[in-house]
Amino acid sequence: MPKLLLFGYGNPGRGDDALGPLLTERVNALKLAHVTCLVDMQLLIEHAIDLTGYDQILFVDADMSCSEPFEFSAVNAEKDESYTSHALTPAALLFIYQQIYRHAAPPVFLLRIRGYRFELGDALSRQANKNLQAAVRQIQQWCLQHQ
């Protein structure tokens, strides 16, 4: 059975920015076989190590510009503007992975969940919570289909 890394990132103290960690925590509670969950506030160079040993990787993040309730897309390695930053995009992290390990990462995807309120101290908005619930259902189905 393929091993999946589900990596949710975002700042729980900034309202809807918590969508990535919240989805990951909810999926982790489902105890799906062959799914490993990881949460952090942002992607860092050090996370390249965390990507080893998996057949697929799914990053999950909040986004204020994607369609409702969420958008799902493939990620390709790319040296982008975040490459030298303290916070990376999934594409830049994959680029670093390839530089370190000298081979391509397994298939990588990004789930962007539509958020609306990102100010410090905001609570999760009602609409973002609905989008989160739809995304959890979708990820549960996706994980079960890919086992």
C-alpha atoms as a PDB file:
ATOM      1  CA  MET A   1       0.000   0.000   0.000  1.00  0.00           C
ATOM      2  CA  PRO A   2       1.351   3.472  -0.865  1.00  0.00           C
ATOM      3  CA  LYS A   3       2.559   5.622   2.001  1.00  0.00           C
ATOM      4  CA  LEU A   4       1.181   9.181   2.065  1.00  0.00           C
ATOM      5  CA  LEU A   5       2.582  12.176   3.909  1.00  0.00           C
ATOM      6  CA  LEU A   6      -0.131  14.732   4.677  1.00  0.00           C
ATOM      7  CA  PHE A   7       1.590  18.013   5.599  1.00  0.00           C
ATOM      8  CA  GLY A   8      -0.633  20.855   6.801  1.00  0.00           C
ATOM      9  CA  TYR A   9       0.878  24.257   7.424  1.00  0.00           C
ATOM     10  CA  GLY A  10      -0.388  27.620   8.592  1.00  0.00           C
ATOM     11  CA  ASN A  11      -0.653  29.842  11.646  1.00  0.00           C
ATOM     12  CA  PRO A  12      -3.413  28.776  14.076  1.00  0.00           C
ATOM     13  CA  GLY A  13      -3.320  32.266  15.636  1.00  0.00           C
ATOM     14  CA  ARG A  14      -4.446  33.916  12.385  1.00  0.00           C
ATOM     15  CA  GLY A  15      -8.022  32.773  11.875  1.00  0.00           C
ATOM     16  CA  ASP A  16      -8.501  30.885   8.633  1.00  0.00           C
ATOM     17  CA  ASP A  17      -4.744  30.422   8.227  1.00  0.00           C
ATOM     18  CA  ALA A  18      -5.269  27.451  10.574  1.00  0.00           C
ATOM     19  CA  LEU A  19      -7.027  25.475   7.821  1.00  0.00           C
ATOM     20  CA  GLY A  20      -3.940  23.408   6.887  1.00  0.00           C
ATOM     21  CA  PRO A  21      -3.165  22.301  10.447  1.00  0.00           C
ATOM     22  CA  LEU A  22      -6.857  21.754  11.241  1.00  0.00           C
ATOM     23  CA  LEU A  23      -7.398  19.494   8.237  1.00  0.00           C
ATOM     24  CA  THR A  24      -4.270  17.519   9.061  1.00  0.00           C
ATOM     25  CA  GLU A  25      -5.313  17.072  12.685  1.00  0.00           C
ATOM     26  CA  ARG A  26      -8.797  15.902  11.661  1.00  0.00           C
ATOM     27  CA  VAL A  27      -7.442  13.410   9.141  1.00  0.00           C
ATOM     28  CA  ASN A  28      -4.905  12.182  11.705  1.00  0.00           C
ATOM     29  CA  ALA A  29      -7.795  11.475  14.104  1.00  0.00           C
ATOM     30  CA  LEU A  30      -9.302   9.152  11.457  1.00  0.00           C
ATOM     31  CA  LYS A  31      -6.275   6.823  11.864  1.00  0.00           C
ATOM     32  CA  LEU A  32      -6.110   5.997   8.165  1.00  0.00           C
ATOM     33  CA  ALA A  33      -3.635   3.250   7.353  1.00  0.00           C
ATOM     34  CA  HIS A  34      -0.412   4.337   5.633  1.00  0.00           C
ATOM     35  CA  VAL A  35      -1.095   8.065   6.181  1.00  0.00           C
ATOM     36  CA  THR A  36       1.423  10.065   8.192  1.00  0.00           C
ATOM     37  CA  CYS A  37       0.430  13.567   9.302  1.00  0.00           C
ATOM     38  CA  LEU A  38       2.777  16.473   9.905  1.00  0.00           C
ATOM     39  CA  VAL A  39       1.907  20.033  10.951  1.00  0.00           C
ATOM     40  CA  ASP A  40       3.993  23.199  11.101  1.00  0.00           C
ATOM     41  CA  MET A  41       3.426  26.935  10.824  1.00  0.00           C
ATOM     42  CA  GLN A  42       5.449  27.215   7.617  1.00  0.00           C
ATOM     43  CA  LEU A  43       7.595  25.182   5.245  1.00  0.00           C
ATOM     44  CA  LEU A  44      11.305  25.309   6.015  1.00  0.00           C
ATOM     45  CA  ILE A  45      14.440  23.958   4.330  1.00  0.00           C
ATOM     46  CA  GLU A  46      14.681  21.358   7.095  1.00  0.00           C
ATOM     47  CA  HIS A  47      11.376  19.844   5.969  1.00  0.00           C
ATOM     48  CA  ALA A  48      13.114  18.342   2.921  1.00  0.00           C
ATOM     49  CA  ILE A  49      14.189  15.532   5.265  1.00  0.00           C
ATOM     50  CA  ASP A  50      10.552  14.888   6.218  1.00  0.00           C
ATOM     51  CA  LEU A  51       9.630  14.124   2.598  1.00  0.00           C
ATOM     52  CA  THR A  52      11.712  10.943   2.373  1.00  0.00           C
ATOM     53  CA  GLY A  53      10.170   7.491   2.503  1.00  0.00           C
ATOM     54  CA  TYR A  54       6.753   8.322   1.047  1.00  0.00           C
ATOM     55  CA  ASP A  55       5.025   7.337  -2.178  1.00  0.00           C
ATOM     56  CA  GLN A  56       2.930  10.525  -2.297  1.00  0.00           C
ATOM     57  CA  ILE A  57       2.954  13.866  -0.517  1.00  0.00           C
ATOM     58  CA  LEU A  58       0.015  16.198  -0.020  1.00  0.00           C
ATOM     59  CA  PHE A  59       0.575  19.723   1.287  1.00  0.00           C
ATOM     60  CA  VAL A  60      -2.456  21.521   2.740  1.00  0.00           C
ATOM     61  CA  ASP A  61      -2.681  25.293   3.167  1.00  0.00           C
ATOM     62  CA  ALA A  62      -5.234  28.073   3.472  1.00  0.00           C
ATOM     63  CA  ASP A  63      -5.618  30.434   0.538  1.00  0.00           C
ATOM     64  CA  MET A  64      -7.668  33.601   0.155  1.00  0.00           C
ATOM     65  CA  SER A  65      -7.592  33.575  -3.649  1.00  0.00           C
ATOM     66  CA  CYS A  66      -8.567  30.022  -4.607  1.00  0.00           C
ATOM     67  CA  SER A  67     -12.069  28.867  -5.527  1.00  0.00           C
ATOM     68  CA  GLU A  68     -14.494  27.642  -2.889  1.00  0.00           C
ATOM     69  CA  PRO A  69     -14.361  25.266  -1.156  1.00  0.00           C
ATOM     70  CA  PHE A  70     -10.815  24.243  -2.193  1.00  0.00           C
ATOM     71  CA  GLU A  71      -8.472  23.648  -5.125  1.00  0.00           C
ATOM     72  CA  PHE A  72      -6.284  20.607  -5.690  1.00  0.00           C
ATOM     73  CA  SER A  73      -3.217  20.681  -7.953  1.00  0.00           C
ATOM     74  CA  ALA A  74       0.052  18.910  -8.699  1.00  0.00           C
ATOM     75  CA  VAL A  75       3.286  20.536  -7.503  1.00  0.00           C
ATOM     76  CA  ASN A  76       6.504  20.590  -9.518  1.00  0.00           C
ATOM     77  CA  ALA A  77       9.940  21.433  -8.171  1.00  0.00           C
ATOM     78  CA  GLU A  78      10.843  25.041  -8.874  1.00  0.00           C
ATOM     79  CA  LYS A  79      13.415  27.498  -7.626  1.00  0.00           C
ATOM     80  CA  ASP A  80      11.095  30.415  -6.916  1.00  0.00           C
ATOM     81  CA  GLU A  81      11.394  33.656  -4.936  1.00  0.00           C
ATOM     82  CA  SER A  82      10.861  31.829  -1.642  1.00  0.00           C
ATOM     83  CA  TYR A  83      13.997  29.714  -2.223  1.00  0.00           C
ATOM     84  CA  THR A  84      16.176  31.918   0.007  1.00  0.00           C
ATOM     85  CA  SER A  85      13.428  32.837   2.479  1.00  0.00           C
ATOM     86  CA  HIS A  86      12.699  31.460   5.922  1.00  0.00           C
ATOM     87  CA  ALA A  87       9.297  30.276   4.630  1.00  0.00           C
ATOM     88  CA  LEU A  88       9.148  28.223   1.430  1.00  0.00           C
ATOM     89  CA  THR A  89       6.516  27.281  -1.107  1.00  0.00           C
ATOM     90  CA  PRO A  90       5.935  23.566  -1.730  1.00  0.00           C
ATOM     91  CA  ALA A  91       7.612  23.966  -5.146  1.00  0.00           C
ATOM     92  CA  ALA A  92      10.744  25.484  -3.591  1.00  0.00           C
ATOM     93  CA  LEU A  93      10.866  22.766  -0.932  1.00  0.00           C
ATOM     94  CA  LEU A  94      10.756  20.140  -3.685  1.00  0.00           C
ATOM     95  CA  PHE A  95      13.565  21.930  -5.493  1.00  0.00           C
ATOM     96  CA  ILE A  96      15.656  21.753  -2.309  1.00  0.00           C
ATOM     97  CA  TYR A  97      14.734  18.068  -1.886  1.00  0.00           C
ATOM     98  CA  GLN A  98      16.059  17.367  -5.381  1.00  0.00           C
ATOM     99  CA  GLN A  99      19.254  19.304  -4.688  1.00  0.00           C
ATOM    100  CA  ILE A 100      19.905  17.307  -1.513  1.00  0.00           C
ATOM    101  CA  TYR A 101      18.922  13.819  -2.666  1.00  0.00           C
ATOM    102  CA  ARG A 102      19.794  14.123  -6.382  1.00  0.00           C
ATOM    103  CA  HIS A 103      16.526  12.531  -7.498  1.00  0.00           C
ATOM    104  CA  ALA A 104      12.924  13.600  -7.945  1.00  0.00           C
ATOM    105  CA  ALA A 105      10.500  13.526  -5.055  1.00  0.00           C
ATOM    106  CA  PRO A 106       7.479  11.233  -5.240  1.00  0.00           C
ATOM    107  CA  PRO A 107       4.285  12.736  -6.689  1.00  0.00           C
ATOM    108  CA  VAL A 108       3.398  15.884  -4.736  1.00  0.00           C
ATOM    109  CA  PHE A 109       0.079  17.697  -4.565  1.00  0.00           C
ATOM    110  CA  LEU A 110      -1.244  20.862  -2.951  1.00  0.00           C
ATOM    111  CA  LEU A 111      -4.693  21.288  -1.465  1.00  0.00           C
ATOM    112  CA  ARG A 112      -5.555  24.966  -1.001  1.00  0.00           C
ATOM    113  CA  ILE A 113      -8.605  25.544   1.164  1.00  0.00           C
ATOM    114  CA  ARG A 114     -10.429  28.848   0.710  1.00  0.00           C
ATOM    115  CA  GLY A 115     -10.091  31.130   3.715  1.00  0.00           C
ATOM    116  CA  TYR A 116     -11.387  34.655   4.360  1.00  0.00           C
ATOM    117  CA  ARG A 117     -10.091  36.048   7.670  1.00  0.00           C
ATOM    118  CA  PHE A 118      -6.345  36.021   8.385  1.00  0.00           C
ATOM    119  CA  GLU A 119      -5.814  38.715  11.015  1.00  0.00           C
ATOM    120  CA  LEU A 120      -3.942  37.939  14.217  1.00  0.00           C
ATOM    121  CA  GLY A 121      -6.430  36.733  16.830  1.00  0.00           C
ATOM    122  CA  ASP A 122      -9.249  35.997  14.368  1.00  0.00           C
ATOM    123  CA  ALA A 123     -11.308  32.860  14.948  1.00  0.00           C
ATOM    124  CA  LEU A 124     -11.968  30.412  12.144  1.00  0.00           C
ATOM    125  CA  SER A 125     -14.705  31.919   9.965  1.00  0.00           C
ATOM    126  CA  ARG A 126     -17.979  30.072   9.435  1.00  0.00           C
ATOM    127  CA  GLN A 127     -17.457  29.742   5.676  1.00  0.00           C
ATOM    128  CA  ALA A 128     -13.861  28.531   6.110  1.00  0.00           C
ATOM    129  CA  ASN A 129     -15.139  25.879   8.518  1.00  0.00           C
ATOM    130  CA  LYS A 130     -17.603  24.686   5.850  1.00  0.00           C
ATOM    131  CA  ASN A 131     -14.766  24.576   3.317  1.00  0.00           C
ATOM    132  CA  LEU A 132     -12.662  22.636   5.832  1.00  0.00           C
ATOM    133  CA  GLN A 133     -15.406  20.041   6.307  1.00  0.00           C
ATOM    134  CA  ALA A 134     -15.702  19.576   2.528  1.00  0.00           C
ATOM    135  CA  ALA A 135     -11.921  19.215   2.228  1.00  0.00           C
ATOM    136  CA  VAL A 136     -11.749  16.632   5.037  1.00  0.00           C
ATOM    137  CA  ARG A 137     -14.393  14.530   3.256  1.00  0.00           C
ATOM    138  CA  GLN A 138     -12.484  14.828  -0.022  1.00  0.00           C
ATOM    139  CA  ILE A 139      -9.144  13.887   1.538  1.00  0.00           C
ATOM    140  CA  GLN A 140     -10.682  10.938   3.355  1.00  0.00           C
ATOM    141  CA  GLN A 141     -12.058   9.644   0.037  1.00  0.00           C
ATOM    142  CA  TRP A 142      -8.743  10.326  -1.737  1.00  0.00           C
ATOM    143  CA  CYS A 143      -6.749   8.496   0.949  1.00  0.00           C
ATOM    144  CA  LEU A 144      -9.064   5.498   0.858  1.00  0.00           C
ATOM    145  CA  GLN A 145      -8.877   5.324  -2.961  1.00  0.00           C
ATOM    146  CA  HIS A 146      -5.062   5.473  -2.941  1.00  0.00           C
ATOM    147  CA  GLN A 147      -4.506   2.720  -0.362  1.00  0.00           C
END
